[in-house]
Amino acid sequence: MCMKRLPEPELMQNPLQVQAYSEADFSNSDALLIRRIEEYLLVKGKQIDSKSLIIDLGCGPGNITELLSRSWPSVRVFGIDGSGPMLAEARNRKDRRKSFNDLRNVSYFCWNLLSIADGTINFKGTGDLIVSNSLLHHFHDPSQFWKALKSMSSKGSITFHRDLRRPSSMDEAKALQKMYLPDSPEVLINDYLASLQAAFTVEEVKTQLHIEGLDHLSVYEVEDRYLEVVGIF
């Protein structure tokens, strides 16, 4: 039995959050996500080429977006987030690396996925690879996430999403925090505990997918704290 879900704010607008996330070292977990995406593409015999479009949903300060661009340097990569302060940091980081020319194909867009889900923003084109990291749990109504995903996908689109999964108790959540963020700033510790409380279980995500007609996507547990949703449209 998991603890009751407690939603957290959908957007990170606090300057302290922006600073903490931009300075935090998530390199190990971020690299793991990229490696798992690469492994999934290999298993499915899918290739990302220069004509492809990669979309990083909920990109925040651009950690994953930058890694995606470096893994596929000839491919356009869109980072999308609804938080202006987070995207300002992502763009600043890109500007600071202009001389390296390794992020030349990255573009950032301040779009709220709720507006994409309800059609207020008409996203032209579709993603060949659509990725998110720790985004789903931010949605108070998760159906909006899946509706936005469907509107940005077409036949053959590859989707890969990783998020936390909700533990059974607050004691378990605190144990995970002490294991993985033992010496982090207070804002990150508080956010991590809030995210674990806001996260979904695998069974809850399976129900969401069924309601949205996305049963062809797979969801499963990864390690002691994540879940992943993967598949091809």
C-alpha atoms as a PDB file:
ATOM      1  CA  MET A   1       0.000   0.000   0.000  1.00  0.00           C
ATOM      2  CA  CYS A   2       1.445   3.377  -1.027  1.00  0.00           C
ATOM      3  CA  MET A   3       0.955   6.583   0.846  1.00  0.00           C
ATOM      4  CA  LYS A   4      -1.704   8.953  -0.419  1.00  0.00           C
ATOM      5  CA  ARG A   5      -0.624  11.092  -3.355  1.00  0.00           C
ATOM      6  CA  LEU A   6      -0.026  14.762  -2.548  1.00  0.00           C
ATOM      7  CA  PRO A   7       0.351  16.912  -5.707  1.00  0.00           C
ATOM      8  CA  GLU A   8       3.016  19.589  -5.819  1.00  0.00           C
ATOM      9  CA  PRO A   9       3.144  22.830  -7.889  1.00  0.00           C
ATOM     10  CA  GLU A  10       3.088  22.150 -11.618  1.00  0.00           C
ATOM     11  CA  LEU A  11       5.792  24.710 -12.482  1.00  0.00           C
ATOM     12  CA  MET A  12       9.087  25.574 -10.812  1.00  0.00           C
ATOM     13  CA  GLN A  13       9.240  29.373 -10.752  1.00  0.00           C
ATOM     14  CA  ASN A  14      11.104  30.026  -7.487  1.00  0.00           C
ATOM     15  CA  PRO A  15      14.567  31.572  -8.133  1.00  0.00           C
ATOM     16  CA  LEU A  16      16.009  29.393  -5.354  1.00  0.00           C
ATOM     17  CA  GLN A  17      14.750  26.291  -7.162  1.00  0.00           C
ATOM     18  CA  VAL A  18      16.215  27.454 -10.452  1.00  0.00           C
ATOM     19  CA  GLN A  19      19.591  28.078  -8.860  1.00  0.00           C
ATOM     20  CA  ALA A  20      19.592  24.799  -6.939  1.00  0.00           C
ATOM     21  CA  TYR A  21      18.675  22.680  -9.961  1.00  0.00           C
ATOM     22  CA  SER A  22      21.108  24.445 -12.269  1.00  0.00           C
ATOM     23  CA  GLU A  23      23.968  23.923  -9.798  1.00  0.00           C
ATOM     24  CA  ALA A  24      23.090  20.366  -8.731  1.00  0.00           C
ATOM     25  CA  ASP A  25      25.081  17.420 -10.029  1.00  0.00           C
ATOM     26  CA  PHE A  26      22.637  14.973 -11.597  1.00  0.00           C
ATOM     27  CA  SER A  27      25.243  13.700 -14.044  1.00  0.00           C
ATOM     28  CA  ASN A  28      25.056  10.027 -13.033  1.00  0.00           C
ATOM     29  CA  SER A  29      21.271   9.681 -13.229  1.00  0.00           C
ATOM     30  CA  ASP A  30      21.106  11.858 -16.368  1.00  0.00           C
ATOM     31  CA  ALA A  31      23.754   9.742 -18.097  1.00  0.00           C
ATOM     32  CA  LEU A  32      21.842   6.601 -17.116  1.00  0.00           C
ATOM     33  CA  LEU A  33      18.706   7.944 -18.785  1.00  0.00           C
ATOM     34  CA  ILE A  34      20.555   8.677 -22.026  1.00  0.00           C
ATOM     35  CA  ARG A  35      22.140   5.225 -21.951  1.00  0.00           C
ATOM     36  CA  ARG A  36      18.761   3.554 -21.469  1.00  0.00           C
ATOM     37  CA  ILE A  37      17.323   5.524 -24.384  1.00  0.00           C
ATOM     38  CA  GLU A  38      20.224   4.449 -26.583  1.00  0.00           C
ATOM     39  CA  GLU A  39      19.758   0.820 -25.523  1.00  0.00           C
ATOM     40  CA  TYR A  40      16.033   0.973 -26.248  1.00  0.00           C
ATOM     41  CA  LEU A  41      16.633   2.388 -29.747  1.00  0.00           C
ATOM     42  CA  LEU A  42      19.181  -0.362 -30.407  1.00  0.00           C
ATOM     43  CA  VAL A  43      16.831  -3.127 -29.265  1.00  0.00           C
ATOM     44  CA  LYS A  44      13.996  -1.741 -31.420  1.00  0.00           C
ATOM     45  CA  GLY A  45      16.240  -1.187 -34.426  1.00  0.00           C
ATOM     46  CA  LYS A  46      15.384   2.512 -34.519  1.00  0.00           C
ATOM     47  CA  GLN A  47      17.771   5.216 -35.687  1.00  0.00           C
ATOM     48  CA  ILE A  48      17.840   8.941 -35.060  1.00  0.00           C
ATOM     49  CA  ASP A  49      19.306  10.827 -38.035  1.00  0.00           C
ATOM     50  CA  SER A  50      19.859  14.400 -39.167  1.00  0.00           C
ATOM     51  CA  LYS A  51      16.237  14.736 -40.323  1.00  0.00           C
ATOM     52  CA  SER A  52      14.848  13.740 -36.931  1.00  0.00           C
ATOM     53  CA  LEU A  53      13.451  15.941 -34.181  1.00  0.00           C
ATOM     54  CA  ILE A  54      14.057  15.158 -30.511  1.00  0.00           C
ATOM     55  CA  ILE A  55      11.795  16.805 -27.928  1.00  0.00           C
ATOM     56  CA  ASP A  56      12.691  17.106 -24.254  1.00  0.00           C
ATOM     57  CA  LEU A  57       9.491  17.824 -22.332  1.00  0.00           C
ATOM     58  CA  GLY A  58       9.827  19.671 -19.025  1.00  0.00           C
ATOM     59  CA  CYS A  59      13.461  20.386 -19.818  1.00  0.00           C
ATOM     60  CA  GLY A  60      14.116  22.680 -16.838  1.00  0.00           C
ATOM     61  CA  PRO A  61      17.637  24.181 -16.988  1.00  0.00           C
ATOM     62  CA  GLY A  62      18.524  21.941 -19.927  1.00  0.00           C
ATOM     63  CA  ASN A  63      20.533  19.082 -18.377  1.00  0.00           C
ATOM     64  CA  ILE A  64      18.929  16.319 -20.435  1.00  0.00           C
ATOM     65  CA  THR A  65      18.449  18.546 -23.483  1.00  0.00           C
ATOM     66  CA  GLU A  66      22.187  19.161 -23.661  1.00  0.00           C
ATOM     67  CA  LEU A  67      23.017  15.467 -23.292  1.00  0.00           C
ATOM     68  CA  LEU A  68      20.561  14.582 -26.050  1.00  0.00           C
ATOM     69  CA  SER A  69      22.202  17.130 -28.341  1.00  0.00           C
ATOM     70  CA  ARG A  70      25.666  15.769 -27.615  1.00  0.00           C
ATOM     71  CA  SER A  71      24.514  12.193 -28.207  1.00  0.00           C
ATOM     72  CA  TRP A  72      22.962  13.159 -31.558  1.00  0.00           C
ATOM     73  CA  PRO A  73      24.876  16.316 -32.585  1.00  0.00           C
ATOM     74  CA  SER A  74      23.359  16.573 -36.081  1.00  0.00           C
ATOM     75  CA  VAL A  75      19.751  16.376 -34.856  1.00  0.00           C
ATOM     76  CA  ARG A  76      17.404  19.222 -33.918  1.00  0.00           C
ATOM     77  CA  VAL A  77      16.562  19.144 -30.212  1.00  0.00           C
ATOM     78  CA  PHE A  78      13.672  21.135 -28.721  1.00  0.00           C
ATOM     79  CA  GLY A  79      13.610  21.791 -24.986  1.00  0.00           C
ATOM     80  CA  ILE A  80      10.104  22.683 -23.791  1.00  0.00           C
ATOM     81  CA  ASP A  81       9.172  23.972 -20.357  1.00  0.00           C
ATOM     82  CA  GLY A  82       6.439  26.147 -18.901  1.00  0.00           C
ATOM     83  CA  SER A  83       8.754  27.884 -16.432  1.00  0.00           C
ATOM     84  CA  GLY A  84      10.263  31.103 -17.756  1.00  0.00           C
ATOM     85  CA  PRO A  85      12.987  31.247 -15.071  1.00  0.00           C
ATOM     86  CA  MET A  86      14.072  27.669 -15.779  1.00  0.00           C
ATOM     87  CA  LEU A  87      14.271  28.320 -19.517  1.00  0.00           C
ATOM     88  CA  ALA A  88      16.199  31.548 -18.934  1.00  0.00           C
ATOM     89  CA  GLU A  89      18.848  29.479 -17.164  1.00  0.00           C
ATOM     90  CA  ALA A  90      18.841  26.893 -19.978  1.00  0.00           C
ATOM     91  CA  ARG A  91      19.348  29.617 -22.577  1.00  0.00           C
ATOM     92  CA  ASN A  92      22.096  31.251 -20.513  1.00  0.00           C
ATOM     93  CA  ARG A  93      23.920  27.939 -20.310  1.00  0.00           C
ATOM     94  CA  LYS A  94      23.630  27.526 -24.069  1.00  0.00           C
ATOM     95  CA  ASP A  95      24.960  31.056 -24.650  1.00  0.00           C
ATOM     96  CA  ARG A  96      27.930  30.370 -22.377  1.00  0.00           C
ATOM     97  CA  ARG A  97      28.864  27.426 -24.606  1.00  0.00           C
ATOM     98  CA  LYS A  98      28.539  29.200 -27.948  1.00  0.00           C
ATOM     99  CA  SER A  99      32.262  28.900 -28.619  1.00  0.00           C
ATOM    100  CA  PHE A 100      32.050  25.094 -28.296  1.00  0.00           C
ATOM    101  CA  ASN A 101      29.301  24.874 -30.949  1.00  0.00           C
ATOM    102  CA  ASP A 102      28.016  21.632 -29.395  1.00  0.00           C
ATOM    103  CA  LEU A 103      24.503  22.952 -28.722  1.00  0.00           C
ATOM    104  CA  ARG A 104      23.940  24.665 -32.062  1.00  0.00           C
ATOM    105  CA  ASN A 105      20.895  22.522 -32.870  1.00  0.00           C
ATOM    106  CA  VAL A 106      19.169  23.133 -29.526  1.00  0.00           C
ATOM    107  CA  SER A 107      16.131  25.435 -29.323  1.00  0.00           C
ATOM    108  CA  TYR A 108      14.163  26.257 -26.182  1.00  0.00           C
ATOM    109  CA  PHE A 109      10.447  27.090 -26.040  1.00  0.00           C
ATOM    110  CA  CYS A 110       8.469  28.415 -23.080  1.00  0.00           C
ATOM    111  CA  TRP A 111       5.267  26.488 -23.657  1.00  0.00           C
ATOM    112  CA  ASN A 112       2.909  25.133 -21.046  1.00  0.00           C
ATOM    113  CA  LEU A 113       1.991  21.545 -21.924  1.00  0.00           C
ATOM    114  CA  LEU A 114      -1.556  22.185 -20.717  1.00  0.00           C
ATOM    115  CA  SER A 115      -1.908  24.595 -23.652  1.00  0.00           C
ATOM    116  CA  ILE A 116      -0.579  21.967 -26.054  1.00  0.00           C
ATOM    117  CA  ALA A 117      -2.947  19.381 -24.583  1.00  0.00           C
ATOM    118  CA  ASP A 118      -6.047  21.559 -25.054  1.00  0.00           C
ATOM    119  CA  GLY A 119      -5.008  22.854 -28.473  1.00  0.00           C
ATOM    120  CA  THR A 120      -4.365  26.472 -27.416  1.00  0.00           C
ATOM    121  CA  ILE A 121      -0.832  26.017 -28.736  1.00  0.00           C
ATOM    122  CA  ASN A 122      -0.819  24.296 -32.103  1.00  0.00           C
ATOM    123  CA  PHE A 123       2.475  22.432 -32.161  1.00  0.00           C
ATOM    124  CA  LYS A 124       3.408  22.070 -35.818  1.00  0.00           C
ATOM    125  CA  GLY A 125       5.261  18.895 -36.681  1.00  0.00           C
ATOM    126  CA  THR A 126       5.889  15.857 -34.524  1.00  0.00           C
ATOM    127  CA  GLY A 127       8.773  14.459 -32.559  1.00  0.00           C
ATOM    128  CA  ASP A 128      10.703  11.401 -33.691  1.00  0.00           C
ATOM    129  CA  LEU A 129      11.965  10.892 -30.135  1.00  0.00           C
ATOM    130  CA  ILE A 130      10.057  12.453 -27.230  1.00  0.00           C
ATOM    131  CA  VAL A 131      11.673  12.310 -23.808  1.00  0.00           C
ATOM    132  CA  SER A 132      10.862  13.530 -20.311  1.00  0.00           C
ATOM    133  CA  ASN A 133      12.570  13.204 -16.972  1.00  0.00           C
ATOM    134  CA  SER A 134      10.671  13.678 -13.693  1.00  0.00           C
ATOM    135  CA  LEU A 135       7.820  15.529 -15.381  1.00  0.00           C
ATOM    136  CA  LEU A 136       4.683  13.379 -15.141  1.00  0.00           C
ATOM    137  CA  HIS A 137       4.329  13.725 -11.374  1.00  0.00           C
ATOM    138  CA  HIS A 138       4.066  17.525 -11.674  1.00  0.00           C
ATOM    139  CA  PHE A 139       0.690  17.261 -13.406  1.00  0.00           C
ATOM    140  CA  HIS A 140      -2.304  17.580 -11.119  1.00  0.00           C
ATOM    141  CA  ASP A 141      -4.306  15.955 -13.922  1.00  0.00           C
ATOM    142  CA  PRO A 142      -1.948  13.461 -15.608  1.00  0.00           C
ATOM    143  CA  SER A 143      -4.285  13.071 -18.579  1.00  0.00           C
ATOM    144  CA  GLN A 144      -2.988  16.461 -19.749  1.00  0.00           C
ATOM    145  CA  PHE A 145       0.497  15.026 -20.052  1.00  0.00           C
ATOM    146  CA  TRP A 146      -0.672  12.130 -22.198  1.00  0.00           C
ATOM    147  CA  LYS A 147      -2.891  14.361 -24.356  1.00  0.00           C
ATOM    148  CA  ALA A 148       0.055  16.686 -25.009  1.00  0.00           C
ATOM    149  CA  LEU A 149       2.230  13.701 -25.857  1.00  0.00           C
ATOM    150  CA  LYS A 150      -0.318  12.389 -28.346  1.00  0.00           C
ATOM    151  CA  SER A 151      -0.590  15.774 -30.065  1.00  0.00           C
ATOM    152  CA  MET A 152       3.191  15.901 -30.540  1.00  0.00           C
ATOM    153  CA  SER A 153       3.513  12.323 -31.816  1.00  0.00           C
ATOM    154  CA  SER A 154       2.803  10.553 -35.078  1.00  0.00           C
ATOM    155  CA  LYS A 155       3.117   6.999 -36.366  1.00  0.00           C
ATOM    156  CA  GLY A 156       6.621   5.811 -35.552  1.00  0.00           C
ATOM    157  CA  SER A 157       7.327   8.394 -32.841  1.00  0.00           C
ATOM    158  CA  ILE A 158       9.444   6.922 -30.051  1.00  0.00           C
ATOM    159  CA  THR A 159       8.601   7.936 -26.509  1.00  0.00           C
ATOM    160  CA  PHE A 160      10.703   7.458 -23.391  1.00  0.00           C
ATOM    161  CA  HIS A 161       9.736   8.911 -20.020  1.00  0.00           C
ATOM    162  CA  ARG A 162      11.309   8.408 -16.628  1.00  0.00           C
ATOM    163  CA  ASP A 163       9.868   9.558 -13.334  1.00  0.00           C
ATOM    164  CA  LEU A 164       9.977   8.815  -9.655  1.00  0.00           C
ATOM    165  CA  ARG A 165       7.450   6.365  -8.296  1.00  0.00           C
ATOM    166  CA  ARG A 166       5.613   6.885  -5.029  1.00  0.00           C
ATOM    167  CA  PRO A 167       6.961   4.911  -2.069  1.00  0.00           C
ATOM    168  CA  SER A 168       4.821   3.143   0.504  1.00  0.00           C
ATOM    169  CA  SER A 169       5.406   5.618   3.322  1.00  0.00           C
ATOM    170  CA  MET A 170       7.038   8.891   4.258  1.00  0.00           C
ATOM    171  CA  ASP A 171       9.658   6.901   6.170  1.00  0.00           C
ATOM    172  CA  GLU A 172      10.624   5.158   2.935  1.00  0.00           C
ATOM    173  CA  ALA A 173      10.672   8.495   1.127  1.00  0.00           C
ATOM    174  CA  LYS A 174      13.029   9.951   3.739  1.00  0.00           C
ATOM    175  CA  ALA A 175      15.254   6.887   3.475  1.00  0.00           C
ATOM    176  CA  LEU A 176      15.537   7.413  -0.294  1.00  0.00           C
ATOM    177  CA  GLN A 177      16.343  11.083   0.273  1.00  0.00           C
ATOM    178  CA  LYS A 178      19.107  10.239   2.728  1.00  0.00           C
ATOM    179  CA  MET A 179      20.526   7.672   0.308  1.00  0.00           C
ATOM    180  CA  TYR A 180      20.525   9.800  -2.850  1.00  0.00           C
ATOM    181  CA  LEU A 181      20.562  13.417  -1.641  1.00  0.00           C
ATOM    182  CA  PRO A 182      22.341  13.207   1.707  1.00  0.00           C
ATOM    183  CA  ASP A 183      24.138  16.557   1.577  1.00  0.00           C
ATOM    184  CA  SER A 184      22.018  18.544  -0.868  1.00  0.00           C
ATOM    185  CA  PRO A 185      20.686  22.065  -0.291  1.00  0.00           C
ATOM    186  CA  GLU A 186      17.482  22.231   1.704  1.00  0.00           C
ATOM    187  CA  VAL A 187      15.446  23.320  -1.314  1.00  0.00           C
ATOM    188  CA  LEU A 188      16.443  20.150  -3.208  1.00  0.00           C
ATOM    189  CA  ILE A 189      15.735  17.914  -0.222  1.00  0.00           C
ATOM    190  CA  ASN A 190      12.285  19.437   0.246  1.00  0.00           C
ATOM    191  CA  ASP A 191      11.534  19.198  -3.479  1.00  0.00           C
ATOM    192  CA  TYR A 192      12.688  15.577  -3.609  1.00  0.00           C
ATOM    193  CA  LEU A 193      10.392  14.553  -0.757  1.00  0.00           C
ATOM    194  CA  ALA A 194       7.525  16.511  -2.307  1.00  0.00           C
ATOM    195  CA  SER A 195       8.154  14.826  -5.668  1.00  0.00           C
ATOM    196  CA  LEU A 196       8.091  11.356  -4.118  1.00  0.00           C
ATOM    197  CA  GLN A 197       4.749  12.196  -2.516  1.00  0.00           C
ATOM    198  CA  ALA A 198       3.414  13.546  -5.820  1.00  0.00           C
ATOM    199  CA  ALA A 199       4.681  10.632  -7.897  1.00  0.00           C
ATOM    200  CA  PHE A 200       2.498   7.872  -9.333  1.00  0.00           C
ATOM    201  CA  THR A 201       2.691   4.117  -8.964  1.00  0.00           C
ATOM    202  CA  VAL A 202       3.170   1.787 -11.919  1.00  0.00           C
ATOM    203  CA  GLU A 203      -0.439   0.624 -11.619  1.00  0.00           C
ATOM    204  CA  GLU A 204      -1.715   4.203 -11.614  1.00  0.00           C
ATOM    205  CA  VAL A 205       0.246   4.970 -14.771  1.00  0.00           C
ATOM    206  CA  LYS A 206      -1.059   1.826 -16.448  1.00  0.00           C
ATOM    207  CA  THR A 207      -4.583   3.024 -15.705  1.00  0.00           C
ATOM    208  CA  GLN A 208      -3.777   6.455 -17.139  1.00  0.00           C
ATOM    209  CA  LEU A 209      -2.441   4.887 -20.332  1.00  0.00           C
ATOM    210  CA  HIS A 210      -5.515   2.683 -20.708  1.00  0.00           C
ATOM    211  CA  ILE A 211      -7.884   5.636 -20.315  1.00  0.00           C
ATOM    212  CA  GLU A 212      -5.966   7.606 -22.955  1.00  0.00           C
ATOM    213  CA  GLY A 213      -5.857   4.695 -25.421  1.00  0.00           C
ATOM    214  CA  LEU A 214      -2.107   4.271 -24.994  1.00  0.00           C
ATOM    215  CA  ASP A 215      -2.019   0.606 -24.002  1.00  0.00           C
ATOM    216  CA  HIS A 216       0.737   0.033 -26.560  1.00  0.00           C
ATOM    217  CA  LEU A 217       3.136   1.900 -24.256  1.00  0.00           C
ATOM    218  CA  SER A 218       4.892  -0.120 -21.553  1.00  0.00           C
ATOM    219  CA  VAL A 219       5.462   0.980 -17.970  1.00  0.00           C
ATOM    220  CA  TYR A 220       7.675  -0.764 -15.449  1.00  0.00           C
ATOM    221  CA  GLU A 221       9.717  -0.253 -12.303  1.00  0.00           C
ATOM    222  CA  VAL A 222      13.390   0.685 -12.560  1.00  0.00           C
ATOM    223  CA  GLU A 223      15.775   0.402  -9.616  1.00  0.00           C
ATOM    224  CA  ASP A 224      14.389   1.348  -6.211  1.00  0.00           C
ATOM    225  CA  ARG A 225      12.707   4.640  -7.054  1.00  0.00           C
ATOM    226  CA  TYR A 226      11.938   5.104 -10.758  1.00  0.00           C
ATOM    227  CA  LEU A 227       9.362   4.057 -13.288  1.00  0.00           C
ATOM    228  CA  GLU A 228       9.720   4.279 -17.046  1.00  0.00           C
ATOM    229  CA  VAL A 229       7.141   4.573 -19.795  1.00  0.00           C
ATOM    230  CA  VAL A 230       8.397   3.578 -23.229  1.00  0.00           C
ATOM    231  CA  GLY A 231       6.986   2.691 -26.608  1.00  0.00           C
ATOM    232  CA  ILE A 232       6.478   3.515 -30.252  1.00  0.00           C
ATOM    233  CA  PHE A 233       3.357   5.196 -31.669  1.00  0.00           C
END
